[in-house]
Amino acid sequence: MSGHKVSHSNIKTKRKFYPNLQTKKFFIPEENIWVTLKVSAAGMRTINKKGIMACLENSIEKGIIKL
């Protein structure tokens, strides 16, 4: 995502906004394995809220993850 950096004098210069990516290990109890994912902070919140299996199934349905 891109946008403008705006100074105190209102001069605008181009800049990029990067996602807050973190490398995190998640345990999948149904499979009894650990998986390492590079996921954003908002993604970690969603995984904690819905559960790792629900998020993985949703990602497979949307075509984000290919098996």
Foldseek 3Di string as FASTA:
>chain_A
DKDWDQDPVRDTDIDDDDFQWDWDWDADVVVRDIDIDTDGPVVVVVCVVPNDVVVVVVCVVVPVDDD
